[in-house]
Amino acid sequence: MGITIKSSPFLFVILQNINIKMLTTIKGVYEEGHIILKEEAHVKSGTEVIVTFLSEEKETPKVKKERVPGGLKGRISISDDFNEPLDDLKDYM
């Protein structure tokens, strides 16, 4: 899937007024306070960078307790008039 941009004077003016930055991703490792890149960075010296650390710690999945049918028996009650119309709605009925 690609994007096609047709040339127009309006588009040129918009692109002139936008500060577009390209992002380049390079793998590396962090050791003893230094970042060691695994490949050469093809960017100008002094280029601003953003460093993101990828954690290797994996979350342990939470173990769900087995559901027991009838586990809430005796803890929940429903009033006898549960299916009766609400007093607040009598004006509309």
N, C-alpha and C. Protein backbone atom coordinates (compact mmCIF):
# COMPACT_ATOMS: atom_id res chain seq x y z
N MET A 1 0.85 -1.17 0.00
CA MET A 1 0.00 0.00 0.00
C MET A 1 0.89 1.23 0.00
N GLY A 2 0.70 2.12 -0.92
CA GLY A 2 1.52 3.31 -1.01
C GLY A 2 0.69 4.57 -0.99
N ILE A 3 1.35 5.69 -0.85
CA ILE A 3 0.69 6.98 -0.85
C ILE A 3 1.14 7.73 -2.09
N THR A 4 0.18 8.27 -2.81
CA THR A 4 0.49 9.06 -3.99
C THR A 4 0.17 10.51 -3.68
N ILE A 5 1.12 11.40 -3.91
CA ILE A 5 0.91 12.83 -3.69
C ILE A 5 1.06 13.52 -5.02
N LYS A 6 0.00 14.18 -5.44
CA LYS A 6 0.05 14.93 -6.69
C LYS A 6 0.62 16.31 -6.40
N SER A 7 1.43 16.77 -7.28
CA SER A 7 2.09 18.07 -7.13
C SER A 7 1.07 19.19 -7.24
N SER A 8 1.15 20.15 -6.32
CA SER A 8 0.32 21.35 -6.41
C SER A 8 1.01 22.46 -5.64
N PRO A 9 0.79 23.73 -6.02
CA PRO A 9 1.40 24.84 -5.28
C PRO A 9 0.97 24.86 -3.82
N PHE A 10 -0.28 24.47 -3.54
CA PHE A 10 -0.79 24.47 -2.18
C PHE A 10 -0.02 23.48 -1.32
N LEU A 11 0.21 22.27 -1.85
CA LEU A 11 0.95 21.24 -1.13
C LEU A 11 2.38 21.69 -0.87
N PHE A 12 3.01 22.35 -1.82
CA PHE A 12 4.37 22.83 -1.65
C PHE A 12 4.46 23.81 -0.49
N VAL A 13 3.49 24.72 -0.39
CA VAL A 13 3.48 25.70 0.71
C VAL A 13 3.31 25.00 2.04
N ILE A 14 2.44 23.99 2.11
CA ILE A 14 2.25 23.26 3.36
C ILE A 14 3.54 22.57 3.77
N LEU A 15 4.21 21.88 2.84
CA LEU A 15 5.42 21.15 3.17
C LEU A 15 6.56 22.08 3.58
N GLN A 16 6.58 23.30 3.05
CA GLN A 16 7.62 24.25 3.45
C GLN A 16 7.46 24.67 4.90
N ASN A 17 6.24 24.70 5.40
CA ASN A 17 5.97 25.19 6.75
C ASN A 17 5.98 24.09 7.81
N ILE A 18 6.21 22.84 7.42
CA ILE A 18 6.24 21.73 8.37
C ILE A 18 7.69 21.30 8.56
N ASN A 19 8.08 21.15 9.82
CA ASN A 19 9.42 20.66 10.13
C ASN A 19 9.35 19.13 10.20
N ILE A 20 9.72 18.46 9.13
CA ILE A 20 9.62 17.00 9.05
C ILE A 20 10.95 16.40 9.49
N LYS A 21 10.87 15.47 10.47
CA LYS A 21 12.06 14.78 10.94
C LYS A 21 11.96 13.31 10.56
N MET A 22 13.06 12.77 10.11
CA MET A 22 13.10 11.35 9.77
C MET A 22 13.65 10.60 10.98
N LEU A 23 13.08 9.44 11.24
CA LEU A 23 13.55 8.60 12.32
C LEU A 23 14.34 7.44 11.74
N THR A 24 15.48 7.15 12.35
CA THR A 24 16.30 6.02 11.94
C THR A 24 16.45 5.11 13.15
N THR A 25 16.21 3.84 12.98
CA THR A 25 16.32 2.90 14.08
C THR A 25 17.58 2.06 13.92
N ILE A 26 18.36 2.00 14.99
CA ILE A 26 19.59 1.21 14.99
C ILE A 26 19.63 0.42 16.28
N LYS A 27 19.91 -0.87 16.18
CA LYS A 27 20.00 -1.69 17.38
C LYS A 27 21.33 -1.47 18.08
N GLY A 28 21.30 -1.63 19.37
CA GLY A 28 22.50 -1.50 20.17
C GLY A 28 22.27 -2.12 21.53
N VAL A 29 23.28 -2.07 22.37
CA VAL A 29 23.16 -2.58 23.74
C VAL A 29 23.69 -1.55 24.71
N TYR A 30 23.16 -1.57 25.91
CA TYR A 30 23.59 -0.67 26.98
C TYR A 30 24.45 -1.47 27.94
N GLU A 31 25.70 -1.04 28.09
CA GLU A 31 26.62 -1.73 28.99
C GLU A 31 27.40 -0.72 29.78
N GLU A 32 27.33 -0.83 31.11
CA GLU A 32 28.13 -0.01 32.02
C GLU A 32 28.07 1.48 31.70
N GLY A 33 26.88 1.98 31.45
CA GLY A 33 26.71 3.42 31.22
C GLY A 33 26.94 3.89 29.80
N HIS A 34 27.21 2.98 28.88
CA HIS A 34 27.46 3.35 27.49
C HIS A 34 26.50 2.59 26.56
N ILE A 35 26.15 3.23 25.46
CA ILE A 35 25.34 2.58 24.45
C ILE A 35 26.26 2.19 23.30
N ILE A 36 26.33 0.92 23.00
CA ILE A 36 27.18 0.41 21.93
C ILE A 36 26.28 0.03 20.76
N LEU A 37 26.45 0.73 19.64
CA LEU A 37 25.62 0.47 18.46
C LEU A 37 26.12 -0.77 17.73
N LYS A 38 25.18 -1.56 17.22
CA LYS A 38 25.54 -2.78 16.51
C LYS A 38 25.79 -2.54 15.03
N GLU A 39 25.51 -1.33 14.54
CA GLU A 39 25.76 -0.97 13.15
C GLU A 39 26.08 0.52 13.10
N GLU A 40 26.59 0.96 11.97
CA GLU A 40 26.97 2.35 11.82
C GLU A 40 25.74 3.23 11.66
N ALA A 41 25.78 4.39 12.31
CA ALA A 41 24.68 5.35 12.19
C ALA A 41 24.99 6.31 11.05
N HIS A 42 24.17 6.31 10.01
CA HIS A 42 24.39 7.17 8.85
C HIS A 42 23.64 8.48 9.05
N VAL A 43 24.07 9.25 10.04
CA VAL A 43 23.47 10.55 10.35
C VAL A 43 24.58 11.55 10.62
N LYS A 44 24.23 12.83 10.59
CA LYS A 44 25.21 13.89 10.86
C LYS A 44 25.60 13.88 12.32
N SER A 45 26.82 14.28 12.59
CA SER A 45 27.29 14.41 13.96
C SER A 45 26.46 15.48 14.65
N GLY A 46 26.07 15.24 15.86
CA GLY A 46 25.28 16.21 16.61
C GLY A 46 23.78 16.04 16.42
N THR A 47 23.36 15.00 15.69
CA THR A 47 21.95 14.74 15.47
C THR A 47 21.29 14.35 16.78
N GLU A 48 20.11 14.94 17.04
CA GLU A 48 19.36 14.63 18.25
C GLU A 48 18.90 13.18 18.21
N VAL A 49 18.93 12.50 19.36
CA VAL A 49 18.53 11.09 19.43
C VAL A 49 17.51 10.90 20.55
N ILE A 50 16.72 9.84 20.42
CA ILE A 50 15.81 9.40 21.48
C ILE A 50 16.22 7.96 21.78
N VAL A 51 16.47 7.66 23.04
CA VAL A 51 16.89 6.31 23.42
C VAL A 51 15.72 5.60 24.11
N THR A 52 15.39 4.42 23.61
CA THR A 52 14.34 3.60 24.21
C THR A 52 14.96 2.29 24.65
N PHE A 53 14.77 1.94 25.91
CA PHE A 53 15.32 0.69 26.42
C PHE A 53 14.26 -0.39 26.33
N LEU A 54 14.62 -1.52 25.72
CA LEU A 54 13.71 -2.66 25.59
C LEU A 54 13.98 -3.61 26.75
N SER A 55 13.00 -3.77 27.60
CA SER A 55 13.15 -4.64 28.75
C SER A 55 13.01 -6.09 28.33
N GLU A 56 13.90 -6.92 28.81
CA GLU A 56 13.82 -8.34 28.50
C GLU A 56 12.99 -9.09 29.52
N GLU A 57 12.58 -8.39 30.57
CA GLU A 57 11.75 -9.02 31.58
C GLU A 57 10.37 -9.25 31.00
N LYS A 58 9.91 -10.46 31.10
CA LYS A 58 8.59 -10.79 30.61
C LYS A 58 7.64 -10.86 31.80
N GLU A 59 6.47 -10.28 31.61
CA GLU A 59 5.47 -10.36 32.66
C GLU A 59 5.01 -11.79 32.78
N THR A 60 4.92 -12.25 34.01
CA THR A 60 4.38 -13.58 34.21
C THR A 60 2.86 -13.47 34.12
N PRO A 61 2.25 -14.31 33.33
CA PRO A 61 0.79 -14.22 33.20
C PRO A 61 0.12 -14.51 34.53
N LYS A 62 -0.91 -13.73 34.81
CA LYS A 62 -1.64 -13.92 36.06
C LYS A 62 -2.46 -15.20 35.95
N VAL A 63 -2.36 -15.98 36.97
CA VAL A 63 -3.10 -17.24 37.00
C VAL A 63 -4.51 -16.93 37.48
N LYS A 64 -5.47 -17.27 36.63
CA LYS A 64 -6.86 -17.05 37.00
C LYS A 64 -7.33 -18.18 37.90
N LYS A 65 -8.08 -17.77 38.93
CA LYS A 65 -8.64 -18.79 39.80
C LYS A 65 -9.73 -19.54 39.05
N GLU A 66 -9.81 -20.80 39.32
CA GLU A 66 -10.85 -21.59 38.68
C GLU A 66 -12.21 -21.17 39.20
N ARG A 67 -13.14 -20.97 38.26
CA ARG A 67 -14.49 -20.56 38.64
C ARG A 67 -15.26 -21.77 39.16
N VAL A 68 -15.97 -21.52 40.24
CA VAL A 68 -16.75 -22.59 40.84
C VAL A 68 -18.23 -22.23 40.71
N PRO A 69 -19.02 -23.06 40.02
CA PRO A 69 -20.45 -22.76 39.92
C PRO A 69 -21.09 -22.70 41.30
N GLY A 70 -21.88 -21.65 41.51
CA GLY A 70 -22.57 -21.48 42.79
C GLY A 70 -21.68 -20.91 43.87
N GLY A 71 -20.55 -20.35 43.50
CA GLY A 71 -19.61 -19.81 44.48
C GLY A 71 -20.14 -18.63 45.27
N LEU A 72 -21.13 -17.91 44.75
CA LEU A 72 -21.70 -16.76 45.46
C LEU A 72 -23.06 -17.08 46.08
N LYS A 73 -23.41 -18.34 46.11
CA LYS A 73 -24.71 -18.74 46.67
C LYS A 73 -24.82 -18.27 48.11
N GLY A 74 -25.93 -17.60 48.40
CA GLY A 74 -26.16 -17.10 49.76
C GLY A 74 -25.60 -15.72 49.99
N ARG A 75 -24.81 -15.19 49.10
CA ARG A 75 -24.21 -13.86 49.25
C ARG A 75 -24.98 -12.79 48.48
N ILE A 76 -25.76 -13.18 47.50
CA ILE A 76 -26.50 -12.23 46.68
C ILE A 76 -27.98 -12.51 46.83
N SER A 77 -28.75 -11.44 46.98
CA SER A 77 -30.20 -11.62 47.04
C SER A 77 -30.86 -10.60 46.13
N ILE A 78 -32.00 -10.97 45.57
CA ILE A 78 -32.77 -10.10 44.69
C ILE A 78 -34.12 -9.86 45.36
N SER A 79 -34.52 -8.60 45.43
CA SER A 79 -35.79 -8.29 46.09
C SER A 79 -36.96 -8.90 45.33
N ASP A 80 -38.06 -9.12 46.06
CA ASP A 80 -39.24 -9.75 45.46
C ASP A 80 -39.86 -8.89 44.36
N ASP A 81 -39.72 -7.56 44.45
CA ASP A 81 -40.33 -6.66 43.45
C ASP A 81 -39.32 -6.24 42.37
N PHE A 82 -38.32 -7.05 42.11
CA PHE A 82 -37.28 -6.72 41.14
C PHE A 82 -37.84 -6.40 39.76
N ASN A 83 -38.84 -7.14 39.30
CA ASN A 83 -39.39 -6.96 37.96
C ASN A 83 -40.52 -5.93 37.90
N GLU A 84 -40.88 -5.34 39.02
CA GLU A 84 -41.95 -4.34 39.05
C GLU A 84 -41.43 -3.01 38.49
N PRO A 85 -42.32 -2.19 37.91
CA PRO A 85 -41.90 -0.87 37.39
C PRO A 85 -41.35 0.01 38.51
N LEU A 86 -40.41 0.84 38.18
CA LEU A 86 -39.82 1.75 39.17
C LEU A 86 -40.77 2.90 39.45
N ASP A 87 -40.81 3.35 40.71
CA ASP A 87 -41.67 4.46 41.09
C ASP A 87 -41.31 5.73 40.31
N ASP A 88 -40.08 5.93 40.02
CA ASP A 88 -39.64 7.14 39.29
C ASP A 88 -40.19 7.19 37.88
N LEU A 89 -40.60 6.05 37.31
CA LEU A 89 -41.06 6.01 35.93
C LEU A 89 -42.59 5.91 35.81
N LYS A 90 -43.30 5.95 36.92
CA LYS A 90 -44.76 5.80 36.87
C LYS A 90 -45.41 6.90 36.05
N ASP A 91 -44.88 8.12 36.03
CA ASP A 91 -45.45 9.23 35.27
C ASP A 91 -45.39 8.96 33.76
N TYR A 92 -44.51 8.13 33.33
CA TYR A 92 -44.32 7.88 31.91
C TYR A 92 -45.06 6.62 31.44
N MET A 93 -45.68 5.91 32.32
CA MET A 93 -46.35 4.65 31.95
C MET A 93 -47.86 4.82 31.91
